[in-house]
Amino acid sequence: MRIAVVGATGNAGTAVLRELARQDSVDSILGIARRLPEQALEPYNHAEWRSIDVQFEDSRGELITALTDYDAVIHLAWLIQPNKERELLRRVNVDGTRHVLEAAAAAGVKHIVVASSVGAYSGVTDNQLRDESWPTVGIASSHYSVDKAAQERVMDEFQVKHPDVTVARLRPALKFQGSAGSEIQRYFLGEWVPVQLLRAGRPPIIPFPKEARAQAVHTDDVAHAYVLAALTGAEGAFNICADDILTPQIIGGVLTANPKYGRVLPIPTKALRPLVKAAHRSGLLAADEGWLDMAVHSPLMDTTRAKQELGWEPSMTAAQALEEVIEGMAAGEGRRSAPMRPREQRSVAPLTLPSKGHRLPDDIDAMALRQYMADHLAGATAGRSRMARLAQAFVNTPMYGEIAMVADEVRLEHKYLQKLMNRQGFPRPGISAPALWVGERVARVKSYFPKELKNVPSVLVLETELMLSAVTGKLHGWKTLLNNADALGVPASVFEQLIEDTERQYARLQKAHKYARQRAFKKSYETGGDHPLDRG
């Protein structure tokens, strides 16, 4: 059986790839994602890959080509962040689902499994278990819930138009696994919440919304349900969650490492909600108050249908899954994909550092080498920030995946160069070094970018050109360090890999530049709306 997975690099997608690889009846797996993972590593090495951004209507042609001759599609692609980019979320989540469904039907796919959610259900004020017949109108104060409900309507419309295609919609509870720890921290807590402290010990007591209760499931169990639905051709809705319910006391027991007497400081939701809202607006908390509303009002689900018709059973309790993800968050666990990257991911490729105590040879001018590397580190520091902003500027265009991959790699290379200098005993560069790079490469356009890139096509062309220039400089920097690899105590293959990565980054930036320059100066392009480069 040939199965394609759309959104194959996130929490659920990574687990689905693992599950598919275990199935003898599956002889071909296609992974589709906006940003491709490290394809040589588990579990991504079990799939062929295509980079397709499903939010755009033009993606349907690419999807049709990719999905032709596949027996089933598992559609998991979904954006949770950034909260403030509401139109982007809607395009990816709702329009993207429509594009995948229509493309799959046009490609001749006869069975589709779609990731819905408990968030699609209408809110409740009790603890009664609901089956799949409960209305899917969503909770109006949660953008996630609103989009999940809209996704359900997309599936309803599709099934009316394509009665020959079977659609299974799985509605899982919160999905937890240890390797999703960093991803879940970024999406829901943010970088300011010091989850690393949990490695040193658990707090004696935690504040918690008094009315909240939830269900959860281990991501491997969800993946098993998706694959069962795909292999059996199941149709209709299925609730997926573990059998136990996460009450404040149980959550407190997990977080305080005292499962019997977990101590919780109950806070009324009415009092907590404005605090969550303020923390989110100030950037201290990634999740907005809509997630709190879901925790209080989402219904508890009955999983009888999944157990009887799919033959599905959870292998772990919700409390066990929660414990695993808490450990994963504390340790910064992840996988080698953009959504699941670990908190301290080492590099784009395994990059070796010199042994501790390494000393430069006597014939090397240490001060000159230190200054050279400090200047390149200054450039990398400024370039890392600007590349991230450039990716954000392209977020509403088909080029986002290309630029975002470059931004991720630049960030990781910056960390490697810092560590390499530390191993040489070189101090961090002084305040004057960054000024040299910034003054040379940024002064020409600094008035355009006080905080964020303006939504002006010509400005994006110029900024891409500056990044092409910066990447060219970085390429020659790695070549210079390659000539001095022995002195630095680093295998030459490390710098050869960095050179190869940089050449690939240059090609991606060239692709983005071509896209932007073809659109930048036409009078028909405006600066309002979704994005000026996404028209015509």
Protein backbone atom coordinates (compact mmCIF):
# COMPACT_ATOMS: atom_id res chain seq x y z
CA MET A 1 0.00 0.00 0.00
CA ARG A 2 1.23 3.52 -0.87
CA ILE A 3 0.49 6.21 1.72
CA ALA A 4 1.25 9.93 1.63
CA VAL A 5 1.53 12.00 4.81
CA VAL A 6 0.91 15.75 4.51
CA GLY A 7 2.49 17.60 7.42
CA ALA A 8 4.91 14.77 8.14
CA THR A 9 7.47 16.64 10.26
CA GLY A 10 5.58 17.69 13.38
CA ASN A 11 4.54 15.97 16.59
CA ALA A 12 1.93 13.69 14.97
CA GLY A 13 3.62 13.41 11.57
CA THR A 14 6.90 12.14 12.99
CA ALA A 15 5.06 9.47 14.99
CA VAL A 16 2.99 8.48 11.96
CA LEU A 17 6.18 7.90 9.94
CA ARG A 18 7.46 5.61 12.70
CA GLU A 19 4.18 3.69 12.72
CA LEU A 20 4.01 3.36 8.93
CA ALA A 21 7.59 2.05 8.84
CA ARG A 22 6.48 -0.83 11.08
CA GLN A 23 3.67 -1.90 8.75
CA ASP A 24 4.56 -4.74 6.35
CA SER A 25 1.61 -3.83 4.12
CA VAL A 26 3.01 -0.33 3.47
CA ASP A 27 5.58 -0.39 0.69
CA SER A 28 5.84 3.33 -0.12
CA ILE A 29 5.65 6.44 2.07
CA LEU A 30 5.62 10.01 0.80
CA GLY A 31 6.28 12.85 3.24
CA ILE A 32 5.03 16.33 2.32
CA ALA A 33 6.00 19.40 4.33
CA ARG A 34 6.69 23.09 3.87
CA ARG A 35 10.18 22.69 5.39
CA LEU A 36 11.91 19.38 4.86
CA PRO A 37 13.56 17.47 7.73
CA GLU A 38 17.00 15.88 7.96
CA GLN A 39 16.04 13.08 5.60
CA ALA A 40 18.88 10.70 6.42
CA LEU A 41 17.75 10.32 10.05
CA GLU A 42 15.01 8.30 11.73
CA PRO A 43 12.10 8.32 11.15
CA TYR A 44 12.33 10.65 8.16
CA ASN A 45 14.55 8.24 6.22
CA HIS A 46 11.57 5.93 5.63
CA ALA A 47 9.88 8.38 3.26
CA GLU A 48 10.39 10.10 -0.03
CA TRP A 49 9.93 13.86 0.33
CA ARG A 50 8.31 16.78 -1.43
CA SER A 51 8.33 20.40 -0.27
CA ILE A 52 4.85 21.83 -0.85
CA ASP A 53 3.15 24.72 0.95
CA VAL A 54 -0.52 23.72 1.04
CA GLN A 55 -1.88 27.17 1.92
CA PHE A 56 -1.77 28.43 -1.67
CA GLU A 57 -4.31 27.53 -4.31
CA ASP A 58 -1.45 27.00 -6.75
CA SER A 59 -0.26 24.14 -4.54
CA ARG A 60 -3.06 21.92 -5.82
CA GLY A 61 -1.22 21.24 -9.05
CA GLU A 62 1.91 20.17 -7.16
CA LEU A 63 -0.18 18.08 -4.79
CA ILE A 64 -2.00 16.32 -7.62
CA THR A 65 1.31 15.35 -9.20
CA ALA A 66 2.74 14.20 -5.87
CA LEU A 67 -0.34 12.18 -4.79
CA THR A 68 -0.98 10.39 -8.08
CA ASP A 69 -0.81 6.58 -7.65
CA TYR A 70 -1.12 6.76 -3.84
CA ASP A 71 -3.79 4.68 -2.12
CA ALA A 72 -4.36 6.87 0.93
CA VAL A 73 -3.47 10.30 2.30
CA ILE A 74 -3.05 11.19 5.97
CA HIS A 75 -3.48 14.95 6.27
CA LEU A 76 -1.86 16.39 9.42
CA ALA A 77 -0.61 19.83 8.33
CA TRP A 78 -1.65 22.50 10.82
CA LEU A 79 -0.19 25.74 12.18
CA ILE A 80 -0.65 26.68 15.83
CA GLN A 81 1.66 29.68 15.84
CA PRO A 82 2.06 32.57 15.24
CA ASN A 83 -1.15 33.63 16.97
CA LYS A 84 -1.00 37.16 15.59
CA GLU A 85 -0.92 35.95 11.97
CA ARG A 86 -4.61 35.07 11.95
CA GLU A 87 -5.03 35.08 8.17
CA LEU A 88 -1.96 32.90 7.74
CA LEU A 89 -3.32 30.35 10.19
CA ARG A 90 -6.65 30.30 8.40
CA ARG A 91 -5.04 29.80 5.00
CA VAL A 92 -2.80 26.96 6.12
CA ASN A 93 -5.31 25.23 8.36
CA VAL A 94 -8.64 25.64 6.59
CA ASP A 95 -7.76 26.48 2.98
CA GLY A 96 -4.85 24.04 3.16
CA THR A 97 -7.20 21.22 4.13
CA ARG A 98 -9.46 22.08 1.20
CA HIS A 99 -6.51 22.10 -1.21
CA VAL A 100 -5.25 18.71 0.01
CA LEU A 101 -8.71 17.11 -0.20
CA GLU A 102 -9.41 18.44 -3.69
CA ALA A 103 -5.94 17.48 -4.94
CA ALA A 104 -6.21 13.98 -3.48
CA ALA A 105 -9.56 13.44 -5.24
CA ALA A 106 -8.16 14.77 -8.53
CA ALA A 107 -5.16 12.43 -8.16
CA GLY A 108 -7.44 9.43 -7.79
CA VAL A 109 -6.85 8.82 -4.08
CA LYS A 110 -9.80 6.88 -2.66
CA HIS A 111 -9.20 7.24 1.07
CA ILE A 112 -8.19 10.25 3.17
CA VAL A 113 -7.56 10.48 6.91
CA VAL A 114 -7.73 14.01 8.34
CA ALA A 115 -6.48 15.26 11.68
CA SER A 116 -9.37 17.05 13.35
CA SER A 117 -9.39 17.64 17.12
CA VAL A 118 -11.36 17.72 20.33
CA GLY A 119 -11.11 21.45 19.72
CA ALA A 120 -13.70 21.18 16.95
CA TYR A 121 -16.45 20.34 19.45
CA SER A 122 -18.87 22.85 20.92
CA GLY A 123 -18.16 23.86 24.48
CA VAL A 124 -19.74 22.30 27.57
CA THR A 125 -19.96 23.04 31.27
CA ASP A 126 -20.05 19.47 32.61
CA ASN A 127 -17.92 16.31 32.74
CA GLN A 128 -20.19 14.04 30.71
CA LEU A 129 -18.50 11.89 28.07
CA ARG A 130 -19.57 12.79 24.54
CA ASP A 131 -19.42 10.61 21.46
CA GLU A 132 -18.76 11.73 17.89
CA SER A 133 -22.31 13.02 17.40
CA TRP A 134 -21.66 16.06 19.61
CA PRO A 135 -21.86 19.29 17.51
CA THR A 136 -18.64 20.61 16.01
CA VAL A 137 -19.26 24.34 16.19
CA GLY A 138 -16.12 25.04 18.21
CA ILE A 139 -15.44 27.53 20.99
CA ALA A 140 -15.66 31.08 19.66
CA SER A 141 -12.91 32.59 21.82
CA SER A 142 -10.27 30.12 20.59
CA HIS A 143 -8.83 30.63 17.10
CA TYR A 144 -7.66 27.01 17.12
CA SER A 145 -11.16 25.77 17.91
CA VAL A 146 -12.79 28.08 15.35
CA ASP A 147 -10.45 26.82 12.62
CA LYS A 148 -10.96 23.18 13.59
CA ALA A 149 -14.73 23.68 13.33
CA ALA A 150 -14.25 25.35 9.93
CA GLN A 151 -12.10 22.40 8.84
CA GLU A 152 -15.00 20.09 9.72
CA ARG A 153 -17.25 22.10 7.37
CA VAL A 154 -14.64 21.76 4.61
CA MET A 155 -14.76 17.99 5.04
CA ASP A 156 -18.57 18.01 5.03
CA GLU A 157 -18.63 19.92 1.73
CA PHE A 158 -15.97 17.68 0.22
CA GLN A 159 -17.87 14.50 1.04
CA VAL A 160 -21.00 15.84 -0.64
CA LYS A 161 -19.00 16.62 -3.80
CA HIS A 162 -16.96 13.39 -3.72
CA PRO A 163 -19.08 10.54 -2.35
CA ASP A 164 -16.69 8.05 -3.96
CA VAL A 165 -13.83 9.12 -1.63
CA THR A 166 -13.96 7.90 1.96
CA VAL A 167 -12.86 10.37 4.63
CA ALA A 168 -11.99 9.50 8.22
CA ARG A 169 -11.71 12.43 10.61
CA LEU A 170 -9.87 11.69 13.84
CA ARG A 171 -10.46 13.97 16.82
CA PRO A 172 -7.61 13.42 19.26
CA ALA A 173 -7.14 15.02 22.64
CA LEU A 174 -3.86 16.71 23.63
CA LYS A 175 -0.98 14.78 22.03
CA PHE A 176 2.14 14.23 24.14
CA GLN A 177 5.49 12.51 23.58
CA GLY A 178 8.92 13.20 25.02
CA SER A 179 10.49 14.15 21.70
CA ALA A 180 7.87 16.88 21.24
CA GLY A 181 8.99 18.62 24.44
CA SER A 182 10.72 21.56 22.75
CA GLU A 183 8.00 21.99 20.15
CA ILE A 184 5.26 22.08 22.79
CA GLN A 185 7.25 24.54 24.89
CA ARG A 186 7.65 26.91 21.92
CA TYR A 187 4.01 26.70 20.83
CA PHE A 188 2.32 26.95 24.21
CA LEU A 189 4.72 28.31 26.83
CA GLY A 190 7.36 30.24 24.93
CA GLU A 191 11.05 30.80 25.56
CA TRP A 192 10.53 32.88 28.72
CA VAL A 193 9.07 30.01 30.75
CA PRO A 194 12.11 28.33 32.40
CA VAL A 195 11.11 24.69 31.97
CA GLN A 196 14.81 23.75 32.20
CA LEU A 197 14.53 24.21 35.95
CA LEU A 198 12.44 21.04 36.09
CA ARG A 199 15.67 19.09 35.58
CA ALA A 200 16.80 20.21 39.02
CA GLY A 201 13.56 19.29 40.74
CA ARG A 202 9.82 19.74 40.78
CA PRO A 203 7.97 22.57 42.54
CA PRO A 204 6.17 21.72 45.78
CA ILE A 205 2.93 23.31 44.55
CA ILE A 206 1.59 24.70 41.26
CA PRO A 207 -1.14 27.23 40.49
CA PHE A 208 -3.80 25.81 38.20
CA PRO A 209 -7.21 26.86 36.84
CA LYS A 210 -9.78 25.42 39.21
CA GLU A 211 -12.33 24.45 36.54
CA ALA A 212 -9.89 22.92 34.03
CA ARG A 213 -9.81 19.22 33.17
CA ALA A 214 -8.59 17.57 30.03
CA GLN A 215 -7.90 14.37 28.18
CA ALA A 216 -4.62 13.48 26.55
CA VAL A 217 -3.03 10.67 24.59
CA HIS A 218 0.48 9.59 23.75
CA THR A 219 1.38 10.67 20.22
CA ASP A 220 2.39 7.10 19.30
CA ASP A 221 -1.14 5.97 20.17
CA VAL A 222 -2.59 8.72 17.98
CA ALA A 223 -0.27 7.68 15.15
CA HIS A 224 -1.46 4.10 15.51
CA ALA A 225 -5.05 5.30 15.14
CA TYR A 226 -4.23 7.33 12.00
CA VAL A 227 -2.52 4.36 10.40
CA LEU A 228 -5.31 1.95 11.36
CA ALA A 229 -7.82 4.30 9.75
CA ALA A 230 -5.70 4.51 6.59
CA LEU A 231 -5.11 0.77 6.29
CA THR A 232 -8.73 -0.23 6.95
CA GLY A 233 -10.39 2.48 4.87
CA ALA A 234 -12.36 3.68 7.88
CA GLU A 235 -14.93 6.41 7.38
CA GLY A 236 -16.43 9.03 9.67
CA ALA A 237 -15.37 10.59 12.96
CA PHE A 238 -13.37 8.92 15.73
CA ASN A 239 -12.53 10.27 19.18
CA ILE A 240 -8.97 9.39 20.26
CA CYS A 241 -7.75 9.77 23.85
CA ALA A 242 -6.49 7.75 26.79
CA ASP A 243 -9.02 6.45 29.29
CA ASP A 244 -8.00 8.57 32.28
CA ILE A 245 -8.93 12.22 32.75
CA LEU A 246 -6.36 14.84 33.72
CA THR A 247 -7.83 16.68 36.68
CA PRO A 248 -5.95 19.50 38.43
CA GLN A 249 -4.96 17.03 41.16
CA ILE A 250 -3.54 14.49 38.69
CA ILE A 251 -1.69 17.20 36.76
CA GLY A 252 -0.38 18.55 40.04
CA GLY A 253 0.81 15.08 40.97
CA VAL A 254 2.78 14.80 37.74
CA LEU A 255 4.27 18.29 37.90
CA THR A 256 5.17 18.11 41.59
CA ALA A 257 6.48 14.52 41.32
CA ASN A 258 4.03 13.48 44.01
CA PRO A 259 1.40 11.38 42.22
CA LYS A 260 -0.53 10.63 45.38
CA TYR A 261 -0.59 14.05 46.99
CA GLY A 262 0.09 16.50 44.17
CA ARG A 263 -0.47 19.97 45.57
CA VAL A 264 -2.39 22.47 43.47
CA LEU A 265 -3.25 26.07 44.19
CA PRO A 266 -6.68 26.39 42.52
CA ILE A 267 -7.26 29.71 40.76
CA PRO A 268 -10.72 30.60 39.40
CA THR A 269 -10.67 30.85 35.62
CA LYS A 270 -12.27 34.30 35.70
CA ALA A 271 -9.31 35.57 37.70
CA LEU A 272 -6.71 33.71 35.66
CA ARG A 273 -7.96 34.60 32.19
CA PRO A 274 -6.92 38.29 32.21
CA LEU A 275 -3.49 37.28 33.53
CA VAL A 276 -3.04 34.81 30.66
CA LYS A 277 -4.23 37.43 28.20
CA ALA A 278 -1.77 40.02 29.54
CA ALA A 279 1.11 37.53 29.57
CA HIS A 280 0.39 36.60 25.96
CA ARG A 281 0.07 40.19 24.78
CA SER A 282 3.37 41.09 26.44
CA GLY A 283 5.18 38.16 24.81
CA LEU A 284 5.82 36.28 28.05
CA LEU A 285 3.47 33.42 27.15
CA ALA A 286 3.05 31.88 23.70
CA ALA A 287 -0.52 30.60 24.18
CA ASP A 288 -3.39 33.05 24.29
CA GLU A 289 -6.45 32.99 26.52
CA GLY A 290 -8.37 30.91 23.97
CA TRP A 291 -6.38 27.85 25.02
CA LEU A 292 -7.49 28.39 28.61
CA ASP A 293 -11.09 28.56 27.43
CA MET A 294 -10.63 25.25 25.63
CA ALA A 295 -9.16 23.66 28.76
CA VAL A 296 -12.26 24.66 30.70
CA HIS A 297 -15.02 24.10 28.13
CA SER A 298 -13.94 21.35 25.70
CA PRO A 299 -16.04 18.21 26.18
CA LEU A 300 -14.66 14.96 27.52
CA MET A 301 -14.71 12.32 24.78
CA ASP A 302 -16.04 8.79 24.60
CA THR A 303 -13.72 6.54 22.54
CA THR A 304 -16.03 3.53 22.17
CA ARG A 305 -16.29 3.85 18.39
CA ALA A 306 -12.52 3.88 17.83
CA LYS A 307 -12.10 0.82 20.02
CA GLN A 308 -14.90 -1.13 18.36
CA GLU A 309 -14.48 -0.15 14.69
CA LEU A 310 -10.74 0.50 14.42
CA GLY A 311 -9.67 -2.03 17.03
CA TRP A 312 -7.71 0.76 18.69
CA GLU A 313 -6.59 0.83 22.31
CA PRO A 314 -4.32 3.32 24.08
CA SER A 315 -1.06 1.79 25.26
CA MET A 316 -0.32 4.57 27.77
CA THR A 317 -2.38 6.61 30.18
CA ALA A 318 -2.78 10.35 29.83
CA ALA A 319 -0.80 10.83 33.04
CA GLN A 320 2.09 8.76 31.63
CA ALA A 321 2.06 10.75 28.39
CA LEU A 322 2.05 14.00 30.38
CA GLU A 323 4.97 12.82 32.52
CA GLU A 324 6.94 11.94 29.39
CA VAL A 325 6.41 15.32 27.73
CA ILE A 326 7.29 17.17 30.95
CA GLU A 327 10.59 15.28 31.02
CA GLY A 328 11.06 16.08 27.33
CA MET A 329 10.43 19.78 27.91
CA ALA A 330 12.88 19.90 30.80
CA ALA A 331 15.57 18.20 28.70
CA GLY A 332 14.77 20.19 25.53
CA GLU A 333 14.11 17.04 23.48
CA GLY A 334 13.25 17.11 19.82
CA ARG A 335 13.87 15.62 16.40
CA ARG A 336 15.68 16.82 13.28
CA SER A 337 12.80 18.70 11.66
CA ALA A 338 11.84 22.37 11.77
CA PRO A 339 8.76 21.99 14.02
CA MET A 340 10.39 19.48 16.37
CA ARG A 341 13.88 20.90 16.60
CA PRO A 342 15.40 20.39 20.05
CA ARG A 343 16.03 23.38 22.27
CA GLU A 344 19.80 23.04 21.85
CA GLN A 345 20.00 21.41 18.46
CA ARG A 346 23.69 21.01 17.65
CA SER A 347 23.78 21.88 13.99
CA VAL A 348 22.42 21.33 10.52
CA ALA A 349 24.73 18.32 10.27
CA PRO A 350 26.78 16.63 13.01
CA LEU A 351 29.59 19.15 13.49
CA THR A 352 32.56 18.04 15.53
CA LEU A 353 34.21 20.37 18.02
CA PRO A 354 37.87 20.16 19.02
CA SER A 355 38.60 18.29 22.23
CA LYS A 356 38.57 20.25 25.46
CA GLY A 357 41.99 21.68 26.21
CA HIS A 358 42.88 21.94 22.52
CA ARG A 359 45.79 24.32 21.87
CA LEU A 360 46.63 26.07 18.64
CA PRO A 361 50.04 25.19 17.10
CA ASP A 362 52.87 27.60 17.87
CA ASP A 363 53.15 28.70 14.25
CA ILE A 364 49.59 30.08 14.22
CA ASP A 365 49.03 33.74 15.07
CA ALA A 366 46.29 33.24 17.64
CA MET A 367 45.39 36.93 17.89
CA ALA A 368 44.92 37.28 14.13
CA LEU A 369 42.83 34.11 13.93
CA ARG A 370 40.76 35.18 16.91
CA GLN A 371 40.01 38.57 15.31
CA TYR A 372 39.12 36.92 12.01
CA MET A 373 36.69 34.51 13.67
CA ALA A 374 35.30 37.30 15.88
CA ASP A 375 34.49 39.38 12.81
CA HIS A 376 32.70 36.45 11.20
CA LEU A 377 30.83 35.77 14.44
CA ALA A 378 29.72 39.40 14.48
CA GLY A 379 28.40 38.97 10.96
CA ALA A 380 26.67 35.74 11.91
CA THR A 381 25.07 37.44 14.92
CA ALA A 382 23.61 40.24 12.83
CA GLY A 383 22.77 37.90 9.94
CA ARG A 384 20.93 35.45 12.18
CA SER A 385 18.44 38.11 13.27
CA ARG A 386 17.97 39.60 9.82
CA MET A 387 17.52 36.21 8.19
CA ALA A 388 14.79 35.35 10.68
CA ARG A 389 13.05 38.64 9.88
CA LEU A 390 13.41 38.00 6.16
CA ALA A 391 11.74 34.62 6.58
CA GLN A 392 8.90 36.29 8.47
CA ALA A 393 8.54 38.86 5.67
CA PHE A 394 8.07 36.01 3.16
CA VAL A 395 5.68 34.10 5.46
CA ASN A 396 2.65 34.63 3.21
CA THR A 397 4.42 33.55 0.03
CA PRO A 398 5.45 30.17 -1.40
CA MET A 399 9.06 31.13 -0.65
CA TYR A 400 8.65 30.96 3.11
CA GLY A 401 9.74 27.34 3.39
CA GLU A 402 12.95 28.03 1.48
CA ILE A 403 13.88 31.13 3.50
CA ALA A 404 12.85 29.60 6.82
CA MET A 405 15.19 26.65 6.23
CA VAL A 406 18.04 29.08 5.58
CA ALA A 407 17.17 31.00 8.76
CA ASP A 408 17.23 27.78 10.81
CA GLU A 409 20.60 26.76 9.39
CA VAL A 410 22.12 30.21 9.95
CA ARG A 411 20.98 30.12 13.58
CA LEU A 412 22.59 26.72 14.13
CA GLU A 413 25.83 27.69 12.39
CA HIS A 414 26.04 30.74 14.62
CA LYS A 415 25.89 28.48 17.67
CA TYR A 416 28.59 26.23 16.24
CA LEU A 417 30.94 29.14 15.54
CA GLN A 418 30.43 30.39 19.10
CA LYS A 419 31.28 26.97 20.53
CA LEU A 420 34.27 26.59 18.21
CA MET A 421 35.71 29.90 19.42
CA ASN A 422 35.11 28.92 23.05
CA ARG A 423 37.02 25.67 22.54
CA GLN A 424 39.96 27.70 21.20
CA GLY A 425 39.89 29.79 24.36
CA PHE A 426 38.86 32.89 22.42
CA PRO A 427 36.69 35.40 24.30
CA ARG A 428 33.49 36.69 22.77
CA PRO A 429 34.05 39.68 20.42
CA GLY A 430 33.75 43.14 21.87
CA ILE A 431 31.05 45.64 21.08
CA SER A 432 33.01 47.16 18.21
CA ALA A 433 33.12 44.00 16.09
CA PRO A 434 29.38 43.75 15.31
CA ALA A 435 29.37 47.43 14.38
CA LEU A 436 31.83 46.78 11.55
CA TRP A 437 29.58 44.22 9.91
CA VAL A 438 26.36 46.08 10.56
CA GLY A 439 27.81 49.34 9.29
CA GLU A 440 29.05 47.76 6.08
CA ARG A 441 26.01 45.71 5.11
CA VAL A 442 23.02 47.29 6.80
CA ALA A 443 23.51 51.05 6.74
CA ARG A 444 22.12 51.36 3.22
CA VAL A 445 18.70 50.09 4.25
CA LYS A 446 18.52 50.68 8.00
CA SER A 447 15.87 53.40 7.57
CA TYR A 448 13.58 50.84 5.93
CA PHE A 449 13.69 48.41 8.84
CA PRO A 450 13.22 49.99 12.26
CA LYS A 451 11.84 46.77 13.74
CA GLU A 452 10.32 44.61 11.02
CA LEU A 453 10.67 44.37 7.28
CA LYS A 454 8.13 46.59 5.63
CA ASN A 455 5.54 44.99 3.40
CA VAL A 456 7.13 46.51 0.26
CA PRO A 457 8.18 44.20 -2.61
CA SER A 458 11.18 46.28 -3.66
CA VAL A 459 12.47 46.33 -0.09
CA LEU A 460 12.26 42.54 0.10
CA VAL A 461 14.27 42.29 -3.13
CA LEU A 462 16.99 44.51 -1.69
CA GLU A 463 17.07 42.68 1.63
CA THR A 464 17.38 39.34 -0.18
CA GLU A 465 20.31 40.75 -2.13
CA LEU A 466 21.99 41.80 1.13
CA MET A 467 21.53 38.30 2.51
CA LEU A 468 22.98 36.82 -0.68
CA SER A 469 26.01 39.05 -0.12
CA ALA A 470 26.28 37.99 3.51
CA VAL A 471 26.02 34.30 2.64
CA THR A 472 28.76 34.75 0.04
CA GLY A 473 31.01 36.22 2.72
CA LYS A 474 30.19 33.35 5.04
CA LEU A 475 31.03 30.83 2.31
CA HIS A 476 34.54 32.27 1.98
CA GLY A 477 34.86 32.29 5.76
CA TRP A 478 34.23 28.54 5.93
CA LYS A 479 36.73 28.02 3.08
CA THR A 480 39.35 29.94 5.04
CA LEU A 481 38.69 27.88 8.17
CA LEU A 482 38.87 24.72 6.05
CA ASN A 483 42.47 25.65 5.19
CA ASN A 484 43.14 25.87 8.94
CA ALA A 485 41.10 22.85 10.05
CA ASP A 486 44.11 20.95 11.43
CA ALA A 487 45.23 23.91 13.50
CA LEU A 488 41.70 24.30 14.89
CA GLY A 489 41.52 20.61 15.77
CA VAL A 490 38.45 20.07 13.57
CA PRO A 491 38.08 17.43 10.81
CA ALA A 492 38.14 18.98 7.36
CA SER A 493 34.83 17.24 6.62
CA VAL A 494 33.08 19.61 9.07
CA PHE A 495 33.97 22.71 7.07
CA GLU A 496 33.32 20.87 3.81
CA GLN A 497 29.81 20.16 5.08
CA LEU A 498 29.35 23.79 6.11
CA ILE A 499 30.50 24.92 2.67
CA GLU A 500 28.00 22.56 1.04
CA ASP A 501 25.23 23.83 3.35
CA THR A 502 26.08 27.44 2.54
CA GLU A 503 26.02 26.81 -1.21
CA ARG A 504 22.56 25.29 -0.78
CA GLN A 505 21.49 28.36 1.23
CA TYR A 506 22.71 30.62 -1.57
CA ALA A 507 20.64 28.66 -4.10
CA ARG A 508 17.53 29.01 -1.94
CA LEU A 509 18.05 32.75 -1.56
CA GLN A 510 18.50 33.04 -5.32
CA LYS A 511 15.19 31.28 -5.80
CA ALA A 512 13.49 33.70 -3.40
CA HIS A 513 15.16 36.67 -5.12
CA LYS A 514 13.89 35.55 -8.51
CA TYR A 515 10.38 35.20 -7.10
CA ALA A 516 10.51 38.68 -5.53
CA ARG A 517 12.17 40.57 -8.36
CA GLN A 518 9.63 39.31 -10.91
CA ARG A 519 6.89 40.96 -8.86
CA ALA A 520 8.60 43.89 -7.17
CA PHE A 521 8.09 46.83 -9.53
CA LYS A 522 4.78 46.17 -11.24
CA LYS A 523 2.17 48.86 -10.68
CA SER A 524 -0.51 46.23 -10.13
CA TYR A 525 1.08 45.23 -6.85
CA GLU A 526 -0.18 46.97 -3.76
CA THR A 527 1.22 46.98 -0.25
CA GLY A 528 -1.98 46.13 1.56
CA GLY A 529 -3.81 42.83 1.90
CA ASP A 530 -2.27 39.47 2.55
CA HIS A 531 1.09 40.05 0.90
CA PRO A 532 2.20 42.01 -2.17
CA LEU A 533 4.36 39.19 -3.51
CA ASP A 534 1.47 36.75 -3.47
CA ARG A 535 -0.54 38.40 -6.22
CA GLY A 536 -0.68 38.07 -9.96
